[in-house]
């Protein structure tokens, strides 16, 4: 959990289309888009 007013240092990002297998782990990215929270179908939380 990220405290209110703080920026996350790490974030899980799901990509598709042209970013798949283009970005390697450890690469710093600037990402612009819509941040949304969803519950995956396998999660019990």
PDB file of N, CA and C in Angstrom:
ATOM      1  N   UNK A   1       0.838  -1.193   0.000  1.00  0.00           N
ATOM      2  CA  UNK A   1       0.000   0.000   0.000  1.00  0.00           C
ATOM      3  C   UNK A   1       0.875   1.245   0.000  1.00  0.00           C
ATOM      4  N   UNK A   2       0.463   2.226  -0.777  1.00  0.00           N
ATOM      5  CA  UNK A   2       1.177   3.498  -0.864  1.00  0.00           C
ATOM      6  C   UNK A   2       0.413   4.514  -0.024  1.00  0.00           C
ATOM      7  N   UNK A   3       1.092   5.174   0.940  1.00  0.00           N
ATOM      8  CA  UNK A   3       0.407   6.182   1.756  1.00  0.00           C
ATOM      9  C   UNK A   3      -0.140   7.323   0.902  1.00  0.00           C
ATOM     10  N   UNK A   4      -1.221   7.942   1.361  1.00  0.00           N
ATOM     11  CA  UNK A   4      -1.832   9.063   0.659  1.00  0.00           C
ATOM     12  C   UNK A   4      -0.810  10.168   0.442  1.00  0.00           C
ATOM     13  N   UNK A   5      -0.728  10.664  -0.778  1.00  0.00           N
ATOM     14  CA  UNK A   5       0.196  11.747  -1.111  1.00  0.00           C
ATOM     15  C   UNK A   5       1.577  11.288  -1.538  1.00  0.00           C
ATOM     16  N   UNK A   6       1.861  10.010  -1.452  1.00  0.00           N
ATOM     17  CA  UNK A   6       3.165   9.472  -1.834  1.00  0.00           C
ATOM     18  C   UNK A   6       3.092   8.844  -3.219  1.00  0.00           C
ATOM     19  N   UNK A   7       4.227   8.801  -3.911  1.00  0.00           N
ATOM     20  CA  UNK A   7       4.309   8.152  -5.213  1.00  0.00           C
ATOM     21  C   UNK A   7       4.872   6.747  -5.051  1.00  0.00           C
ATOM     22  N   UNK A   8       4.323   5.770  -5.763  1.00  0.00           N
ATOM     23  CA  UNK A   8       4.877   4.414  -5.670  1.00  0.00           C
ATOM     24  C   UNK A   8       6.254   4.337  -6.323  1.00  0.00           C
ATOM     25  N   UNK A   9       7.152   3.592  -5.732  1.00  0.00           N
ATOM     26  CA  UNK A   9       8.482   3.398  -6.303  1.00  0.00           C
ATOM     27  C   UNK A   9       8.477   2.271  -7.322  1.00  0.00           C
ATOM     28  N   UNK A  10       7.607   1.297  -7.133  1.00  0.00           N
ATOM     29  CA  UNK A  10       7.484   0.159  -8.041  1.00  0.00           C
ATOM     30  C   UNK A  10       6.016  -0.060  -8.345  1.00  0.00           C
ATOM     31  N   UNK A  11       5.754  -0.505  -9.535  1.00  0.00           N
ATOM     32  CA  UNK A  11       4.371  -0.745  -9.934  1.00  0.00           C
ATOM     33  C   UNK A  11       4.338  -1.896 -10.930  1.00  0.00           C
ATOM     34  N   UNK A  12       3.354  -2.759 -10.792  1.00  0.00           N
ATOM     35  CA  UNK A  12       3.149  -3.832 -11.755  1.00  0.00           C
ATOM     36  C   UNK A  12       2.396  -3.247 -12.939  1.00  0.00           C
ATOM     37  N   UNK A  13       2.926  -3.454 -14.126  1.00  0.00           N
ATOM     38  CA  UNK A  13       2.338  -2.879 -15.326  1.00  0.00           C
ATOM     39  C   UNK A  13       2.019  -3.990 -16.316  1.00  0.00           C
ATOM     40  N   UNK A  14       0.823  -3.994 -16.817  1.00  0.00           N
ATOM     41  CA  UNK A  14       0.412  -4.965 -17.824  1.00  0.00           C
ATOM     42  C   UNK A  14       0.409  -4.271 -19.178  1.00  0.00           C
ATOM     43  N   UNK A  15       1.150  -4.820 -20.135  1.00  0.00           N
ATOM     44  CA  UNK A  15       1.255  -4.193 -21.459  1.00  0.00           C
ATOM     45  C   UNK A  15       0.760  -5.149 -22.537  1.00  0.00           C
ATOM     46  N   UNK A  16       0.404  -4.575 -23.669  1.00  0.00           N
ATOM     47  CA  UNK A  16       0.012  -5.400 -24.801  1.00  0.00           C
ATOM     48  C   UNK A  16       0.480  -4.736 -26.087  1.00  0.00           C
ATOM     49  N   UNK A  17       0.275  -5.424 -27.157  1.00  0.00           N
ATOM     50  CA  UNK A  17       0.607  -4.967 -28.501  1.00  0.00           C
ATOM     51  C   UNK A  17       2.088  -4.628 -28.651  1.00  0.00           C
ATOM     52  N   UNK A  18       2.418  -3.397 -28.970  1.00  0.00           N
ATOM     53  CA  UNK A  18       3.790  -3.070 -29.376  1.00  0.00           C
ATOM     54  C   UNK A  18       4.810  -3.077 -28.234  1.00  0.00           C
ATOM     55  N   UNK A  19       4.392  -3.088 -26.967  1.00  0.00           N
ATOM     56  CA  UNK A  19       5.351  -3.122 -25.864  1.00  0.00           C
ATOM     57  C   UNK A  19       5.740  -4.537 -25.447  1.00  0.00           C
ATOM     58  N   UNK A  20       4.958  -5.538 -25.873  1.00  0.00           N
ATOM     59  CA  UNK A  20       5.240  -6.916 -25.486  1.00  0.00           C
ATOM     60  C   UNK A  20       6.584  -7.350 -26.063  1.00  0.00           C
ATOM     61  N   UNK A  21       7.423  -7.907 -25.221  1.00  0.00           N
ATOM     62  CA  UNK A  21       8.764  -8.385 -25.559  1.00  0.00           C
ATOM     63  C   UNK A  21       9.644  -7.290 -26.160  1.00  0.00           C
ATOM     64  N   UNK A  22       9.361  -6.025 -25.824  1.00  0.00           N
ATOM     65  CA  UNK A  22      10.207  -4.911 -26.245  1.00  0.00           C
ATOM     66  C   UNK A  22      10.962  -4.356 -25.046  1.00  0.00           C
ATOM     67  N   UNK A  23      10.292  -4.286 -23.913  1.00  0.00           N
ATOM     68  CA  UNK A  23      10.868  -3.755 -22.687  1.00  0.00           C
ATOM     69  C   UNK A  23      11.418  -4.922 -21.871  1.00  0.00           C
ATOM     70  N   UNK A  24      12.659  -4.779 -21.387  1.00  0.00           N
ATOM     71  CA  UNK A  24      13.274  -5.830 -20.577  1.00  0.00           C
ATOM     72  C   UNK A  24      13.246  -5.420 -19.104  1.00  0.00           C
ATOM     73  N   UNK A  25      13.253  -6.389 -18.177  1.00  0.00           N
ATOM     74  CA  UNK A  25      13.256  -6.067 -16.749  1.00  0.00           C
ATOM     75  C   UNK A  25      14.414  -5.132 -16.396  1.00  0.00           C
ATOM     76  N   UNK A  26      14.129  -4.140 -15.558  1.00  0.00           N
ATOM     77  CA  UNK A  26      15.137  -3.181 -15.129  1.00  0.00           C
ATOM     78  C   UNK A  26      15.145  -1.894 -15.939  1.00  0.00           C
ATOM     79  N   UNK A  27      14.415  -1.859 -17.053  1.00  0.00           N
ATOM     80  CA  UNK A  27      14.343  -0.659 -17.881  1.00  0.00           C
ATOM     81  C   UNK A  27      13.466   0.381 -17.196  1.00  0.00           C
ATOM     82  N   UNK A  28      13.954   1.631 -17.139  1.00  0.00           N
ATOM     83  CA  UNK A  28      13.147   2.716 -16.575  1.00  0.00           C
ATOM     84  C   UNK A  28      12.222   3.246 -17.648  1.00  0.00           C
ATOM     85  N   UNK A  29      10.953   3.400 -17.283  1.00  0.00           N
ATOM     86  CA  UNK A  29       9.942   3.838 -18.240  1.00  0.00           C
ATOM     87  C   UNK A  29       9.214   5.074 -17.737  1.00  0.00           C
ATOM     88  N   UNK A  30       8.744   5.869 -18.652  1.00  0.00           N
ATOM     89  CA  UNK A  30       7.776   6.919 -18.354  1.00  0.00           C
ATOM     90  C   UNK A  30       6.479   6.464 -18.996  1.00  0.00           C
ATOM     91  N   UNK A  31       5.469   6.240 -18.167  1.00  0.00           N
ATOM     92  CA  UNK A  31       4.211   5.687 -18.652  1.00  0.00           C
ATOM     93  C   UNK A  31       3.097   6.706 -18.440  1.00  0.00           C
ATOM     94  N   UNK A  32       2.334   6.935 -19.483  1.00  0.00           N
ATOM     95  CA  UNK A  32       1.165   7.810 -19.385  1.00  0.00           C
ATOM     96  C   UNK A  32      -0.056   6.976 -19.723  1.00  0.00           C
ATOM     97  N   UNK A  33      -1.095   7.109 -18.937  1.00  0.00           N
ATOM     98  CA  UNK A  33      -2.298   6.335 -19.195  1.00  0.00           C
ATOM     99  C   UNK A  33      -3.284   6.464 -18.067  1.00  0.00           C
ATOM    100  N   UNK A  34      -4.183   5.527 -17.987  1.00  0.00           N
ATOM    101  CA  UNK A  34      -5.218   5.525 -16.958  1.00  0.00           C
ATOM    102  C   UNK A  34      -4.879   4.444 -15.946  1.00  0.00           C
ATOM    103  N   UNK A  35      -4.830   4.829 -14.680  1.00  0.00           N
ATOM    104  CA  UNK A  35      -4.537   3.900 -13.598  1.00  0.00           C
ATOM    105  C   UNK A  35      -5.856   3.369 -13.060  1.00  0.00           C
ATOM    106  N   UNK A  36      -6.043   2.069 -13.115  1.00  0.00           N
ATOM    107  CA  UNK A  36      -7.265   1.485 -12.574  1.00  0.00           C
ATOM    108  C   UNK A  36      -6.915   0.254 -11.751  1.00  0.00           C
ATOM    109  N   UNK A  37      -7.728  -0.018 -10.782  1.00  0.00           N
ATOM    110  CA  UNK A  37      -7.522  -1.162  -9.893  1.00  0.00           C
ATOM    111  C   UNK A  37      -8.592  -2.195 -10.213  1.00  0.00           C
ATOM    112  N   UNK A  38      -8.178  -3.445 -10.377  1.00  0.00           N
ATOM    113  CA  UNK A  38      -9.136  -4.505 -10.632  1.00  0.00           C
ATOM    114  C   UNK A  38      -8.713  -5.747  -9.877  1.00  0.00           C
ATOM    115  N   UNK A  39      -9.640  -6.608  -9.638  1.00  0.00           N
ATOM    116  CA  UNK A  39      -9.381  -7.866  -8.949  1.00  0.00           C
ATOM    117  C   UNK A  39      -9.328  -8.968  -9.989  1.00  0.00           C
ATOM    118  N   UNK A  40      -8.199  -9.679 -10.037  1.00  0.00           N
ATOM    119  CA  UNK A  40      -8.087 -10.774 -10.993  1.00  0.00           C
ATOM    120  C   UNK A  40      -9.009 -11.917 -10.576  1.00  0.00           C
ATOM    121  N   UNK A  41      -9.399 -12.739 -11.514  1.00  0.00           N
ATOM    122  CA  UNK A  41     -10.374 -13.798 -11.254  1.00  0.00           C
ATOM    123  C   UNK A  41      -9.861 -14.858 -10.285  1.00  0.00           C
ATOM    124  N   UNK A  42      -8.550 -15.021 -10.176  1.00  0.00           N
ATOM    125  CA  UNK A  42      -7.996 -16.038  -9.292  1.00  0.00           C
ATOM    126  C   UNK A  42      -7.736 -15.554  -7.882  1.00  0.00           C
ATOM    127  N   UNK A  43      -7.943 -14.277  -7.604  1.00  0.00           N
ATOM    128  CA  UNK A  43      -7.656 -13.696  -6.295  1.00  0.00           C
ATOM    129  C   UNK A  43      -8.818 -13.914  -5.334  1.00  0.00           C
ATOM    130  N   UNK A  44      -8.483 -14.175  -4.072  1.00  0.00           N
ATOM    131  CA  UNK A  44      -9.526 -14.354  -3.067  1.00  0.00           C
ATOM    132  C   UNK A  44      -9.658 -13.135  -2.167  1.00  0.00           C
ATOM    133  N   UNK A  45      -8.929 -12.057  -2.435  1.00  0.00           N
ATOM    134  CA  UNK A  45      -8.958 -10.862  -1.579  1.00  0.00           C
ATOM    135  C   UNK A  45     -10.157  -9.993  -1.817  1.00  0.00           C
TER     136      UNK A  45
END
